């Protein structure tokens, strides 16, 4: 019971974001995820093609 009271007390101290701020933060996370996915795809493709070119020189 003491644990639940502690949890409730701590949750009252939390400063929750507004709906507008939450929406902005969510959009930023999605945008950054897409950007990193594209960058990883580009780097992976470049490295794969580079290694294939090196290995096919023999």
PDB file of N, CA and C in Angstrom:
ATOM      1  N   UNK A   1       0.821  -1.187   0.000  1.00  0.00           N
ATOM      2  CA  UNK A   1       0.000   0.000   0.000  1.00  0.00           C
ATOM      3  C   UNK A   1       0.868   1.255   0.000  1.00  0.00           C
ATOM      4  N   UNK A   2       1.987   1.174   0.718  1.00  0.00           N
ATOM      5  CA  UNK A   2       2.898   2.319   0.777  1.00  0.00           C
ATOM      6  C   UNK A   2       3.455   2.632  -0.619  1.00  0.00           C
ATOM      7  N   UNK A   3       3.724   1.559  -1.369  1.00  0.00           N
ATOM      8  CA  UNK A   3       4.259   1.741  -2.720  1.00  0.00           C
ATOM      9  C   UNK A   3       3.275   2.511  -3.593  1.00  0.00           C
ATOM     10  N   UNK A   4       2.011   2.134  -3.566  1.00  0.00           N
ATOM     11  CA  UNK A   4       0.998   2.813  -4.380  1.00  0.00           C
ATOM     12  C   UNK A   4       0.855   4.276  -3.984  1.00  0.00           C
ATOM     13  N   UNK A   5       0.913   4.570  -2.710  1.00  0.00           N
ATOM     14  CA  UNK A   5       0.838   5.964  -2.258  1.00  0.00           C
ATOM     15  C   UNK A   5       2.038   6.757  -2.771  1.00  0.00           C
ATOM     16  N   UNK A   6       3.203   6.105  -2.784  1.00  0.00           N
ATOM     17  CA  UNK A   6       4.414   6.772  -3.293  1.00  0.00           C
ATOM     18  C   UNK A   6       4.298   7.038  -4.788  1.00  0.00           C
ATOM     19  N   UNK A   7       3.749   6.071  -5.514  1.00  0.00           N
ATOM     20  CA  UNK A   7       3.567   6.238  -6.957  1.00  0.00           C
ATOM     21  C   UNK A   7       2.612   7.387  -7.236  1.00  0.00           C
ATOM     22  N   UNK A   8       1.506   7.441  -6.532  1.00  0.00           N
ATOM     23  CA  UNK A   8       0.520   8.509  -6.732  1.00  0.00           C
ATOM     24  C   UNK A   8       1.138   9.862  -6.408  1.00  0.00           C
ATOM     25  N   UNK A   9       1.911   9.939  -5.323  1.00  0.00           N
ATOM     26  CA  UNK A   9       2.568  11.196  -4.947  1.00  0.00           C
ATOM     27  C   UNK A   9       3.544  11.645  -6.023  1.00  0.00           C
ATOM     28  N   UNK A  10       4.306  10.703  -6.583  1.00  0.00           N
ATOM     29  CA  UNK A  10       5.271  11.053  -7.630  1.00  0.00           C
ATOM     30  C   UNK A  10       4.564  11.470  -8.920  1.00  0.00           C
ATOM     31  N   UNK A  11       3.473  10.797  -9.254  1.00  0.00           N
ATOM     32  CA  UNK A  11       2.743  11.135 -10.484  1.00  0.00           C
ATOM     33  C   UNK A  11       2.142  12.527 -10.403  1.00  0.00           C
ATOM     34  N   UNK A  12       1.828  13.007  -9.220  1.00  0.00           N
ATOM     35  CA  UNK A  12       1.306  14.360  -9.062  1.00  0.00           C
ATOM     36  C   UNK A  12       2.389  15.415  -9.311  1.00  0.00           C
ATOM     37  N   UNK A  13       3.651  15.019  -9.155  1.00  0.00           N
ATOM     38  CA  UNK A  13       4.768  15.943  -9.368  1.00  0.00           C
ATOM     39  C   UNK A  13       5.154  16.063 -10.843  1.00  0.00           C
ATOM     40  N   UNK A  14       4.695  15.132 -11.665  1.00  0.00           N
ATOM     41  CA  UNK A  14       5.079  15.096 -13.073  1.00  0.00           C
ATOM     42  C   UNK A  14       4.440  16.268 -13.807  1.00  0.00           C
ATOM     43  N   UNK A  15       5.230  16.927 -14.642  1.00  0.00           N
ATOM     44  CA  UNK A  15       4.673  17.998 -15.484  1.00  0.00           C
ATOM     45  C   UNK A  15       4.414  17.411 -16.867  1.00  0.00           C
ATOM     46  N   UNK A  16       3.160  17.245 -17.184  1.00  0.00           N
ATOM     47  CA  UNK A  16       2.767  16.617 -18.438  1.00  0.00           C
ATOM     48  C   UNK A  16       2.776  17.646 -19.554  1.00  0.00           C
ATOM     49  N   UNK A  17       3.170  17.249 -20.771  1.00  0.00           N
ATOM     50  CA  UNK A  17       3.177  18.196 -21.896  1.00  0.00           C
ATOM     51  C   UNK A  17       1.747  18.512 -22.346  1.00  0.00           C
ATOM     52  N   UNK A  18       1.613  19.666 -22.956  1.00  0.00           N
ATOM     53  CA  UNK A  18       0.319  20.036 -23.511  1.00  0.00           C
ATOM     54  C   UNK A  18       0.086  19.228 -24.783  1.00  0.00           C
ATOM     55  N   UNK A  19      -1.148  19.256 -25.285  1.00  0.00           N
ATOM     56  CA  UNK A  19      -1.452  18.511 -26.508  1.00  0.00           C
ATOM     57  C   UNK A  19      -0.646  19.046 -27.680  1.00  0.00           C
ATOM     58  N   UNK A  20      -0.474  20.361 -27.731  1.00  0.00           N
ATOM     59  CA  UNK A  20       0.286  20.974 -28.826  1.00  0.00           C
ATOM     60  C   UNK A  20       1.747  20.538 -28.765  1.00  0.00           C
ATOM     61  N   UNK A  21       2.339  20.570 -27.586  1.00  0.00           N
ATOM     62  CA  UNK A  21       3.742  20.172 -27.436  1.00  0.00           C
ATOM     63  C   UNK A  21       3.918  18.682 -27.729  1.00  0.00           C
ATOM     64  N   UNK A  22       2.973  17.872 -27.276  1.00  0.00           N
ATOM     65  CA  UNK A  22       3.033  16.436 -27.541  1.00  0.00           C
ATOM     66  C   UNK A  22       2.961  16.158 -29.035  1.00  0.00           C
ATOM     67  N   UNK A  23       2.095  16.872 -29.738  1.00  0.00           N
ATOM     68  CA  UNK A  23       1.958  16.705 -31.184  1.00  0.00           C
ATOM     69  C   UNK A  23       3.260  17.105 -31.888  1.00  0.00           C
ATOM     70  N   UNK A  24       3.839  18.231 -31.481  1.00  0.00           N
ATOM     71  CA  UNK A  24       5.099  18.686 -32.090  1.00  0.00           C
ATOM     72  C   UNK A  24       6.215  17.666 -31.867  1.00  0.00           C
ATOM     73  N   UNK A  25       6.325  17.183 -30.634  1.00  0.00           N
ATOM     74  CA  UNK A  25       7.379  16.213 -30.309  1.00  0.00           C
ATOM     75  C   UNK A  25       7.193  14.912 -31.079  1.00  0.00           C
ATOM     76  N   UNK A  26       5.946  14.475 -31.229  1.00  0.00           N
ATOM     77  CA  UNK A  26       5.664  13.250 -31.965  1.00  0.00           C
ATOM     78  C   UNK A  26       6.040  13.402 -33.436  1.00  0.00           C
ATOM     79  N   UNK A  27       5.724  14.542 -34.017  1.00  0.00           N
ATOM     80  CA  UNK A  27       6.074  14.799 -35.420  1.00  0.00           C
ATOM     81  C   UNK A  27       7.584  14.813 -35.596  1.00  0.00           C
ATOM     82  N   UNK A  28       8.293  15.425 -34.660  1.00  0.00           N
ATOM     83  CA  UNK A  28       9.753  15.470 -34.736  1.00  0.00           C
ATOM     84  C   UNK A  28      10.340  14.058 -34.680  1.00  0.00           C
ATOM     85  N   UNK A  29       9.791  13.213 -33.800  1.00  0.00           N
ATOM     86  CA  UNK A  29      10.286  11.832 -33.690  1.00  0.00           C
ATOM     87  C   UNK A  29      10.061  11.083 -34.998  1.00  0.00           C
ATOM     88  N   UNK A  30       8.870  11.219 -35.597  1.00  0.00           N
ATOM     89  CA  UNK A  30       8.606  10.549 -36.870  1.00  0.00           C
ATOM     90  C   UNK A  30       9.525  11.069 -37.969  1.00  0.00           C
ATOM     91  N   UNK A  31       9.710  12.380 -38.042  1.00  0.00           N
ATOM     92  CA  UNK A  31      10.590  12.943 -39.072  1.00  0.00           C
ATOM     93  C   UNK A  31      12.017  12.446 -38.917  1.00  0.00           C
ATOM     94  N   UNK A  32      12.524  12.442 -37.682  1.00  0.00           N
ATOM     95  CA  UNK A  32      13.894  11.989 -37.464  1.00  0.00           C
ATOM     96  C   UNK A  32      14.034  10.498 -37.762  1.00  0.00           C
ATOM     97  N   UNK A  33      13.017   9.718 -37.444  1.00  0.00           N
ATOM     98  CA  UNK A  33      13.060   8.277 -37.747  1.00  0.00           C
ATOM     99  C   UNK A  33      13.145   8.053 -39.246  1.00  0.00           C
ATOM    100  N   UNK A  34      12.372   8.805 -40.006  1.00  0.00           N
ATOM    101  CA  UNK A  34      12.396   8.674 -41.467  1.00  0.00           C
ATOM    102  C   UNK A  34      13.748   9.109 -42.022  1.00  0.00           C
ATOM    103  N   UNK A  35      14.278  10.221 -41.521  1.00  0.00           N
ATOM    104  CA  UNK A  35      15.568  10.720 -41.991  1.00  0.00           C
ATOM    105  C   UNK A  35      16.671   9.689 -41.720  1.00  0.00           C
ATOM    106  N   UNK A  36      16.697   9.134 -40.493  1.00  0.00           N
ATOM    107  CA  UNK A  36      17.730   8.146 -40.168  1.00  0.00           C
ATOM    108  C   UNK A  36      17.560   6.868 -40.969  1.00  0.00           C
ATOM    109  N   UNK A  37      16.323   6.458 -41.219  1.00  0.00           N
ATOM    110  CA  UNK A  37      16.093   5.255 -42.033  1.00  0.00           C
ATOM    111  C   UNK A  37      16.640   5.472 -43.443  1.00  0.00           C
ATOM    112  N   UNK A  38      16.403   6.647 -44.005  1.00  0.00           N
ATOM    113  CA  UNK A  38      16.910   6.957 -45.347  1.00  0.00           C
ATOM    114  C   UNK A  38      18.438   6.984 -45.345  1.00  0.00           C
ATOM    115  N   UNK A  39      19.024   7.622 -44.326  1.00  0.00           N
ATOM    116  CA  UNK A  39      20.487   7.683 -44.248  1.00  0.00           C
ATOM    117  C   UNK A  39      21.099   6.295 -44.099  1.00  0.00           C
ATOM    118  N   UNK A  40      20.522   5.453 -43.247  1.00  0.00           N
ATOM    119  CA  UNK A  40      21.042   4.093 -43.085  1.00  0.00           C
ATOM    120  C   UNK A  40      20.914   3.306 -44.386  1.00  0.00           C
ATOM    121  N   UNK A  41      19.822   3.492 -45.101  1.00  0.00           N
ATOM    122  CA  UNK A  41      19.655   2.808 -46.382  1.00  0.00           C
ATOM    123  C   UNK A  41      20.729   3.244 -47.377  1.00  0.00           C
ATOM    124  N   UNK A  42      20.988   4.556 -47.438  1.00  0.00           N
ATOM    125  CA  UNK A  42      21.996   5.077 -48.366  1.00  0.00           C
ATOM    126  C   UNK A  42      23.379   4.539 -47.994  1.00  0.00           C
ATOM    127  N   UNK A  43      23.742   4.634 -46.711  1.00  0.00           N
ATOM    128  CA  UNK A  43      25.060   4.144 -46.278  1.00  0.00           C
ATOM    129  C   UNK A  43      25.198   2.656 -46.528  1.00  0.00           C
ATOM    130  N   UNK A  44      24.153   1.889 -46.231  1.00  0.00           N
ATOM    131  CA  UNK A  44      24.194   0.444 -46.441  1.00  0.00           C
ATOM    132  C   UNK A  44      24.376   0.116 -47.916  1.00  0.00           C
ATOM    133  N   UNK A  45      23.670   0.828 -48.776  1.00  0.00           N
ATOM    134  CA  UNK A  45      23.776   0.593 -50.215  1.00  0.00           C
ATOM    135  C   UNK A  45      25.173   0.946 -50.726  1.00  0.00           C
ATOM    136  N   UNK A  46      25.707   2.062 -50.279  1.00  0.00           N
ATOM    137  CA  UNK A  46      27.046   2.479 -50.707  1.00  0.00           C
ATOM    138  C   UNK A  46      28.097   1.469 -50.246  1.00  0.00           C
ATOM    139  N   UNK A  47      28.008   1.049 -48.998  1.00  0.00           N
ATOM    140  CA  UNK A  47      28.990   0.089 -48.471  1.00  0.00           C
ATOM    141  C   UNK A  47      28.862  -1.249 -49.201  1.00  0.00           C
ATOM    142  N   UNK A  48      27.624  -1.707 -49.412  1.00  0.00           N
ATOM    143  CA  UNK A  48      27.410  -2.984 -50.106  1.00  0.00           C
ATOM    144  C   UNK A  48      27.975  -2.920 -51.523  1.00  0.00           C
ATOM    145  N   UNK A  49      27.686  -1.859 -52.248  1.00  0.00           N
ATOM    146  CA  UNK A  49      28.190  -1.731 -53.618  1.00  0.00           C
ATOM    147  C   UNK A  49      29.708  -1.587 -53.643  1.00  0.00           C
ATOM    148  N   UNK A  50      30.256  -0.885 -52.672  1.00  0.00           N
ATOM    149  CA  UNK A  50      31.709  -0.745 -52.593  1.00  0.00           C
ATOM    150  C   UNK A  50      32.388  -2.074 -52.334  1.00  0.00           C
ATOM    151  N   UNK A  51      31.849  -2.841 -51.404  1.00  0.00           N
ATOM    152  CA  UNK A  51      32.432  -4.155 -51.124  1.00  0.00           C
ATOM    153  C   UNK A  51      32.274  -5.093 -52.311  1.00  0.00           C
ATOM    154  N   UNK A  52      31.129  -5.051 -52.971  1.00  0.00           N
ATOM    155  CA  UNK A  52      30.942  -5.892 -54.162  1.00  0.00           C
ATOM    156  C   UNK A  52      31.929  -5.512 -55.264  1.00  0.00           C
ATOM    157  N   UNK A  53      32.201  -4.226 -55.424  1.00  0.00           N
ATOM    158  CA  UNK A  53      33.153  -3.787 -56.432  1.00  0.00           C
ATOM    159  C   UNK A  53      34.560  -4.267 -56.086  1.00  0.00           C
ATOM    160  N   UNK A  54      34.920  -4.199 -54.812  1.00  0.00           N
ATOM    161  CA  UNK A  54      36.256  -4.631 -54.378  1.00  0.00           C
ATOM    162  C   UNK A  54      36.398  -6.144 -54.545  1.00  0.00           C
ATOM    163  N   UNK A  55      35.381  -6.885 -54.168  1.00  0.00           N
ATOM    164  CA  UNK A  55      35.470  -8.354 -54.236  1.00  0.00           C
ATOM    165  C   UNK A  55      35.407  -8.855 -55.672  1.00  0.00           C
ATOM    166  N   UNK A  56      34.817  -8.116 -56.584  1.00  0.00           N
ATOM    167  CA  UNK A  56      34.730  -8.547 -57.975  1.00  0.00           C
ATOM    168  C   UNK A  56      35.951  -8.175 -58.800  1.00  0.00           C
ATOM    169  N   UNK A  57      36.929  -7.495 -58.190  1.00  0.00           N
ATOM    170  CA  UNK A  57      38.151  -7.121 -58.905  1.00  0.00           C
ATOM    171  C   UNK A  57      39.053  -8.326 -59.143  1.00  0.00           C
ATOM    172  N   UNK A  58      38.908  -9.349 -58.396  1.00  0.00           N
ATOM    173  CA  UNK A  58      39.799 -10.514 -58.507  1.00  0.00           C
ATOM    174  C   UNK A  58      39.595 -11.278 -59.759  1.00  0.00           C
TER     175      UNK A  58
END
